[in-house]
């Protein structure tokens, strides 16, 4: 039998397809865990019928961490797009939209990730 992890499945569905593929590849490396029909499933048998909760918890934490990484990666991309749009709107003459592009510097991204208490 399998246990469905609905919350993680919903979060994974909200991530861009490239991120989903990367996460699914990692999920396939976890024994007893698979993604089927959009759901993340954990085989109870693989974790001693539920007797080995530490292994189960570690697997869930690994999946949660991967999903969080891609959620934050998408969030920083959206933030950069917002900054780019704002700079374009403040320029009076736009000869080159690319020149208005704003990239969030690494230290700022690190600070954002620390705020969310994320570590990969």
N, C-alpha and C. Protein backbone atom coordinates (compact mmCIF):
# COMPACT_ATOMS: atom_id res chain seq x y z
N UNK A 1 0.84 -1.19 0.00
CA UNK A 1 0.00 0.00 0.00
C UNK A 1 0.88 1.25 0.00
N UNK A 2 0.27 2.32 -0.44
CA UNK A 2 0.97 3.59 -0.54
C UNK A 2 0.26 4.64 0.31
N UNK A 3 1.04 5.57 0.80
CA UNK A 3 0.50 6.73 1.50
C UNK A 3 0.69 7.94 0.59
N UNK A 4 -0.38 8.68 0.34
CA UNK A 4 -0.33 9.84 -0.54
C UNK A 4 -0.02 11.08 0.29
N UNK A 5 0.90 11.87 -0.20
CA UNK A 5 1.29 13.10 0.48
C UNK A 5 0.68 14.27 -0.29
N UNK A 6 -0.58 14.58 -0.01
CA UNK A 6 -1.35 15.56 -0.77
C UNK A 6 -0.76 16.96 -0.76
N UNK A 7 -0.35 17.45 0.40
CA UNK A 7 0.16 18.81 0.50
C UNK A 7 1.39 19.00 -0.38
N UNK A 8 2.33 18.07 -0.31
CA UNK A 8 3.52 18.17 -1.14
C UNK A 8 3.18 18.01 -2.62
N UNK A 9 2.22 17.16 -2.92
CA UNK A 9 1.80 16.96 -4.32
C UNK A 9 1.24 18.25 -4.90
N UNK A 10 0.43 18.96 -4.12
CA UNK A 10 -0.15 20.23 -4.59
C UNK A 10 0.93 21.28 -4.81
N UNK A 11 1.89 21.35 -3.89
CA UNK A 11 2.98 22.31 -4.04
C UNK A 11 3.82 21.99 -5.26
N UNK A 12 4.06 20.71 -5.50
CA UNK A 12 4.84 20.31 -6.67
C UNK A 12 4.11 20.65 -7.96
N UNK A 13 2.80 20.49 -7.98
CA UNK A 13 2.01 20.82 -9.17
C UNK A 13 2.09 22.30 -9.53
N UNK A 14 2.34 23.17 -8.54
CA UNK A 14 2.37 24.62 -8.77
C UNK A 14 3.71 25.10 -9.32
N UNK A 15 4.70 24.23 -9.35
CA UNK A 15 6.04 24.59 -9.83
C UNK A 15 6.11 24.44 -11.34
N UNK A 16 6.95 25.24 -11.99
CA UNK A 16 7.12 25.16 -13.44
C UNK A 16 7.54 23.74 -13.85
N UNK A 17 7.22 23.35 -15.08
CA UNK A 17 7.52 21.99 -15.54
C UNK A 17 8.99 21.58 -15.40
N UNK A 18 9.91 22.50 -15.66
CA UNK A 18 11.33 22.18 -15.53
C UNK A 18 11.68 21.81 -14.09
N UNK A 19 11.13 22.57 -13.15
CA UNK A 19 11.36 22.28 -11.74
C UNK A 19 10.73 20.96 -11.33
N UNK A 20 9.53 20.69 -11.85
CA UNK A 20 8.87 19.42 -11.54
C UNK A 20 9.71 18.25 -12.00
N UNK A 21 10.27 18.35 -13.21
CA UNK A 21 11.09 17.27 -13.74
C UNK A 21 12.32 17.04 -12.87
N UNK A 22 12.98 18.12 -12.47
CA UNK A 22 14.16 17.99 -11.61
C UNK A 22 13.80 17.34 -10.27
N UNK A 23 12.68 17.73 -9.71
CA UNK A 23 12.25 17.17 -8.43
C UNK A 23 11.86 15.70 -8.60
N UNK A 24 11.13 15.39 -9.68
CA UNK A 24 10.74 14.00 -9.94
C UNK A 24 11.97 13.11 -10.09
N UNK A 25 13.01 13.62 -10.74
CA UNK A 25 14.24 12.83 -10.89
C UNK A 25 14.85 12.53 -9.52
N UNK A 26 14.79 13.50 -8.61
CA UNK A 26 15.29 13.28 -7.26
C UNK A 26 14.39 12.34 -6.47
N UNK A 27 13.08 12.48 -6.67
CA UNK A 27 12.13 11.60 -5.97
C UNK A 27 12.38 10.15 -6.39
N UNK A 28 12.68 9.93 -7.67
CA UNK A 28 12.92 8.57 -8.15
C UNK A 28 14.14 7.93 -7.50
N UNK A 29 15.04 8.76 -6.94
CA UNK A 29 16.23 8.23 -6.26
C UNK A 29 15.94 7.83 -4.81
N UNK A 30 14.77 8.16 -4.30
CA UNK A 30 14.41 7.82 -2.93
C UNK A 30 13.68 6.48 -2.94
N UNK A 31 14.23 5.47 -2.31
CA UNK A 31 13.57 4.16 -2.30
C UNK A 31 12.17 4.23 -1.69
N UNK A 32 11.22 3.62 -2.38
CA UNK A 32 9.85 3.55 -1.87
C UNK A 32 9.01 4.78 -2.12
N UNK A 33 9.56 5.77 -2.84
CA UNK A 33 8.81 7.00 -3.12
C UNK A 33 8.68 7.12 -4.64
N UNK A 34 7.48 7.49 -5.09
CA UNK A 34 7.26 7.69 -6.52
C UNK A 34 6.18 8.73 -6.73
N UNK A 35 6.16 9.25 -7.94
CA UNK A 35 5.10 10.18 -8.33
C UNK A 35 4.26 9.49 -9.39
N UNK A 36 2.99 9.34 -9.10
CA UNK A 36 2.08 8.67 -10.02
C UNK A 36 0.79 9.46 -10.10
N UNK A 37 0.39 9.81 -11.33
CA UNK A 37 -0.86 10.55 -11.53
C UNK A 37 -0.89 11.88 -10.81
N UNK A 38 0.25 12.54 -10.71
CA UNK A 38 0.30 13.84 -10.05
C UNK A 38 0.41 13.78 -8.54
N UNK A 39 0.40 12.59 -7.98
CA UNK A 39 0.49 12.43 -6.52
C UNK A 39 1.86 11.89 -6.13
N UNK A 40 2.39 12.36 -5.00
CA UNK A 40 3.61 11.80 -4.44
C UNK A 40 3.16 10.67 -3.51
N UNK A 41 3.67 9.48 -3.78
CA UNK A 41 3.28 8.30 -3.02
C UNK A 41 4.49 7.71 -2.32
N UNK A 42 4.26 7.28 -1.09
CA UNK A 42 5.31 6.61 -0.31
C UNK A 42 4.81 5.23 0.04
N UNK A 43 5.59 4.22 -0.34
CA UNK A 43 5.22 2.84 -0.07
C UNK A 43 5.42 2.55 1.41
N UNK A 44 4.35 2.17 2.08
CA UNK A 44 4.44 1.84 3.51
C UNK A 44 5.40 0.68 3.74
N UNK A 45 5.39 -0.27 2.84
CA UNK A 45 6.25 -1.45 2.93
C UNK A 45 7.73 -1.07 2.93
N UNK A 46 8.07 -0.05 2.15
CA UNK A 46 9.47 0.37 2.05
C UNK A 46 10.01 0.93 3.36
N UNK A 47 9.13 1.38 4.21
CA UNK A 47 9.54 1.96 5.49
C UNK A 47 9.12 1.10 6.67
N UNK A 48 9.13 -0.20 6.45
CA UNK A 48 8.83 -1.14 7.53
C UNK A 48 7.39 -1.06 7.99
N UNK A 49 6.46 -0.80 7.09
CA UNK A 49 5.05 -0.72 7.46
C UNK A 49 4.74 0.42 8.39
N UNK A 50 5.59 1.41 8.44
CA UNK A 50 5.37 2.56 9.32
C UNK A 50 6.16 2.48 10.60
N UNK A 51 6.92 1.39 10.77
CA UNK A 51 7.72 1.24 11.99
C UNK A 51 9.00 2.06 11.97
N UNK A 52 9.45 2.41 10.79
CA UNK A 52 10.69 3.16 10.65
C UNK A 52 10.36 4.63 10.32
N UNK A 53 9.85 5.34 11.29
CA UNK A 53 9.39 6.70 11.07
C UNK A 53 10.53 7.66 10.77
N UNK A 54 11.73 7.39 11.26
CA UNK A 54 12.86 8.28 11.00
C UNK A 54 13.19 8.31 9.51
N UNK A 55 13.21 7.16 8.86
CA UNK A 55 13.46 7.09 7.42
C UNK A 55 12.35 7.80 6.66
N UNK A 56 11.12 7.58 7.08
CA UNK A 56 9.95 8.20 6.47
C UNK A 56 10.05 9.72 6.59
N UNK A 57 10.38 10.19 7.78
CA UNK A 57 10.51 11.64 8.02
C UNK A 57 11.63 12.23 7.18
N UNK A 58 12.77 11.56 7.09
CA UNK A 58 13.89 12.05 6.29
C UNK A 58 13.51 12.14 4.81
N UNK A 59 12.75 11.16 4.32
CA UNK A 59 12.31 11.19 2.92
C UNK A 59 11.37 12.36 2.67
N UNK A 60 10.43 12.57 3.58
CA UNK A 60 9.51 13.70 3.45
C UNK A 60 10.27 15.03 3.50
N UNK A 61 11.25 15.13 4.38
CA UNK A 61 12.03 16.36 4.51
C UNK A 61 12.83 16.61 3.24
N UNK A 62 13.38 15.58 2.65
CA UNK A 62 14.14 15.74 1.40
C UNK A 62 13.23 16.25 0.28
N UNK A 63 12.04 15.68 0.17
CA UNK A 63 11.08 16.11 -0.86
C UNK A 63 10.64 17.54 -0.60
N UNK A 64 10.33 17.86 0.66
CA UNK A 64 9.90 19.22 1.02
C UNK A 64 10.99 20.23 0.71
N UNK A 65 12.22 19.87 1.00
CA UNK A 65 13.35 20.76 0.76
C UNK A 65 13.52 21.03 -0.74
N UNK A 66 13.40 20.01 -1.55
CA UNK A 66 13.51 20.18 -3.00
C UNK A 66 12.41 21.09 -3.53
N UNK A 67 11.19 20.87 -3.07
CA UNK A 67 10.07 21.70 -3.52
C UNK A 67 10.28 23.15 -3.08
N UNK A 68 10.71 23.35 -1.85
CA UNK A 68 10.95 24.70 -1.34
C UNK A 68 12.03 25.40 -2.15
N UNK A 69 13.08 24.69 -2.51
CA UNK A 69 14.14 25.27 -3.32
C UNK A 69 13.58 25.82 -4.63
N UNK A 70 12.79 25.03 -5.34
CA UNK A 70 12.25 25.48 -6.62
C UNK A 70 11.19 26.56 -6.46
N UNK A 71 10.43 26.53 -5.37
CA UNK A 71 9.48 27.62 -5.11
C UNK A 71 10.22 28.94 -4.93
N UNK A 72 11.30 28.92 -4.15
CA UNK A 72 12.07 30.14 -3.92
C UNK A 72 12.81 30.59 -5.17
N UNK A 73 13.28 29.63 -5.95
CA UNK A 73 13.95 29.96 -7.21
C UNK A 73 12.98 30.71 -8.13
N UNK A 74 11.75 30.22 -8.22
CA UNK A 74 10.74 30.90 -9.03
C UNK A 74 10.39 32.27 -8.45
N UNK A 75 10.33 32.36 -7.13
CA UNK A 75 9.99 33.63 -6.49
C UNK A 75 11.04 34.68 -6.77
N UNK A 76 12.33 34.33 -6.73
CA UNK A 76 13.37 35.32 -7.01
C UNK A 76 13.34 35.73 -8.48
N UNK A 77 12.97 34.82 -9.37
CA UNK A 77 12.84 35.17 -10.79
C UNK A 77 11.71 36.17 -10.98
N UNK A 78 10.59 35.93 -10.32
CA UNK A 78 9.45 36.86 -10.41
C UNK A 78 9.84 38.22 -9.85
N UNK A 79 10.60 38.23 -8.76
CA UNK A 79 11.06 39.47 -8.16
C UNK A 79 11.95 40.24 -9.14
N UNK A 80 12.87 39.53 -9.83
CA UNK A 80 13.72 40.18 -10.81
C UNK A 80 12.89 40.75 -11.97
N UNK A 81 11.87 40.02 -12.41
CA UNK A 81 11.00 40.53 -13.48
C UNK A 81 10.26 41.78 -13.03
N UNK A 82 9.82 41.79 -11.78
CA UNK A 82 9.14 42.97 -11.23
C UNK A 82 10.08 44.18 -11.25
N UNK A 83 11.33 43.99 -10.81
CA UNK A 83 12.30 45.09 -10.80
C UNK A 83 12.57 45.59 -12.21
N UNK A 84 12.67 44.67 -13.15
CA UNK A 84 12.91 45.02 -14.56
C UNK A 84 11.75 45.86 -15.08
N UNK A 85 10.52 45.42 -14.82
CA UNK A 85 9.33 46.14 -15.26
C UNK A 85 9.29 47.54 -14.64
N UNK A 86 9.61 47.63 -13.36
CA UNK A 86 9.58 48.93 -12.68
C UNK A 86 10.61 49.88 -13.29
N UNK A 87 11.78 49.37 -13.63
CA UNK A 87 12.81 50.22 -14.22
C UNK A 87 12.40 50.67 -15.62
N UNK A 88 11.79 49.79 -16.39
CA UNK A 88 11.30 50.15 -17.72
C UNK A 88 10.25 51.26 -17.61
N UNK A 89 9.35 51.13 -16.64
CA UNK A 89 8.28 52.12 -16.48
C UNK A 89 8.82 53.47 -16.01
N UNK A 90 9.93 53.50 -15.28
CA UNK A 90 10.46 54.78 -14.80
C UNK A 90 11.31 55.49 -15.86
N UNK A 91 11.81 54.75 -16.83
CA UNK A 91 12.58 55.37 -17.92
C UNK A 91 11.63 56.12 -18.85
N UNK A 92 12.03 57.32 -19.24
CA UNK A 92 11.19 58.11 -20.14
C UNK A 92 11.35 57.69 -21.58
N UNK A 93 12.55 57.35 -21.97
CA UNK A 93 12.76 56.87 -23.34
C UNK A 93 13.41 55.49 -23.27
N UNK A 94 12.74 54.57 -23.86
CA UNK A 94 13.24 53.19 -23.82
C UNK A 94 13.76 52.82 -25.19
N UNK A 95 15.08 52.87 -25.33
CA UNK A 95 15.69 52.45 -26.58
C UNK A 95 16.03 50.96 -26.53
N UNK A 96 16.36 50.51 -25.34
CA UNK A 96 16.78 49.13 -25.19
C UNK A 96 16.23 48.57 -23.88
N UNK A 97 15.22 47.73 -24.00
CA UNK A 97 14.62 47.14 -22.79
C UNK A 97 15.62 46.31 -22.00
N UNK A 98 16.53 45.66 -22.74
CA UNK A 98 17.53 44.81 -22.09
C UNK A 98 18.43 45.62 -21.16
N UNK A 99 18.69 46.89 -21.53
CA UNK A 99 19.53 47.76 -20.70
C UNK A 99 18.86 48.06 -19.36
N UNK A 100 17.56 47.91 -19.28
CA UNK A 100 16.83 48.17 -18.04
C UNK A 100 16.79 46.95 -17.11
N UNK A 101 17.28 45.84 -17.61
CA UNK A 101 17.21 44.60 -16.84
C UNK A 101 17.95 44.74 -15.52
N UNK A 102 17.32 44.25 -14.46
CA UNK A 102 17.88 44.32 -13.12
C UNK A 102 18.00 42.89 -12.60
N UNK A 103 19.20 42.55 -12.18
CA UNK A 103 19.40 41.22 -11.59
C UNK A 103 19.63 41.39 -10.10
N UNK A 104 18.95 40.57 -9.33
CA UNK A 104 19.13 40.63 -7.89
C UNK A 104 20.51 40.04 -7.58
N UNK A 105 21.39 40.82 -6.93
CA UNK A 105 22.74 40.34 -6.64
C UNK A 105 22.72 39.12 -5.71
N UNK A 106 23.73 38.30 -5.85
CA UNK A 106 23.84 37.08 -5.05
C UNK A 106 23.64 37.29 -3.55
N UNK A 107 24.30 38.29 -2.95
CA UNK A 107 24.12 38.51 -1.50
C UNK A 107 22.67 38.81 -1.12
N UNK A 108 21.96 39.52 -2.02
CA UNK A 108 20.55 39.81 -1.74
C UNK A 108 19.73 38.53 -1.81
N UNK A 109 19.99 37.72 -2.85
CA UNK A 109 19.29 36.43 -2.95
C UNK A 109 19.57 35.58 -1.72
N UNK A 110 20.83 35.55 -1.28
CA UNK A 110 21.18 34.78 -0.08
C UNK A 110 20.41 35.27 1.14
N UNK A 111 20.29 36.59 1.26
CA UNK A 111 19.55 37.16 2.39
C UNK A 111 18.07 36.77 2.33
N UNK A 112 17.51 36.77 1.12
CA UNK A 112 16.11 36.37 0.96
C UNK A 112 15.94 34.91 1.36
N UNK A 113 16.85 34.06 0.89
CA UNK A 113 16.76 32.64 1.23
C UNK A 113 16.95 32.42 2.72
N UNK A 114 17.84 33.19 3.37
CA UNK A 114 18.01 33.07 4.82
C UNK A 114 16.74 33.49 5.57
N UNK A 115 16.08 34.51 5.04
CA UNK A 115 14.83 34.96 5.65
C UNK A 115 13.82 33.84 5.67
N UNK A 116 13.80 33.03 4.62
CA UNK A 116 12.88 31.91 4.54
C UNK A 116 13.44 30.65 5.20
N UNK A 117 14.61 30.79 5.85
CA UNK A 117 15.25 29.67 6.54
C UNK A 117 15.44 28.48 5.63
N UNK A 118 15.89 28.74 4.41
CA UNK A 118 16.09 27.65 3.48
C UNK A 118 17.56 27.29 3.43
N UNK A 119 17.84 26.01 3.44
CA UNK A 119 19.20 25.52 3.19
C UNK A 119 19.07 24.28 2.34
N UNK A 120 19.86 24.23 1.30
CA UNK A 120 19.76 23.10 0.37
C UNK A 120 20.71 22.00 0.77
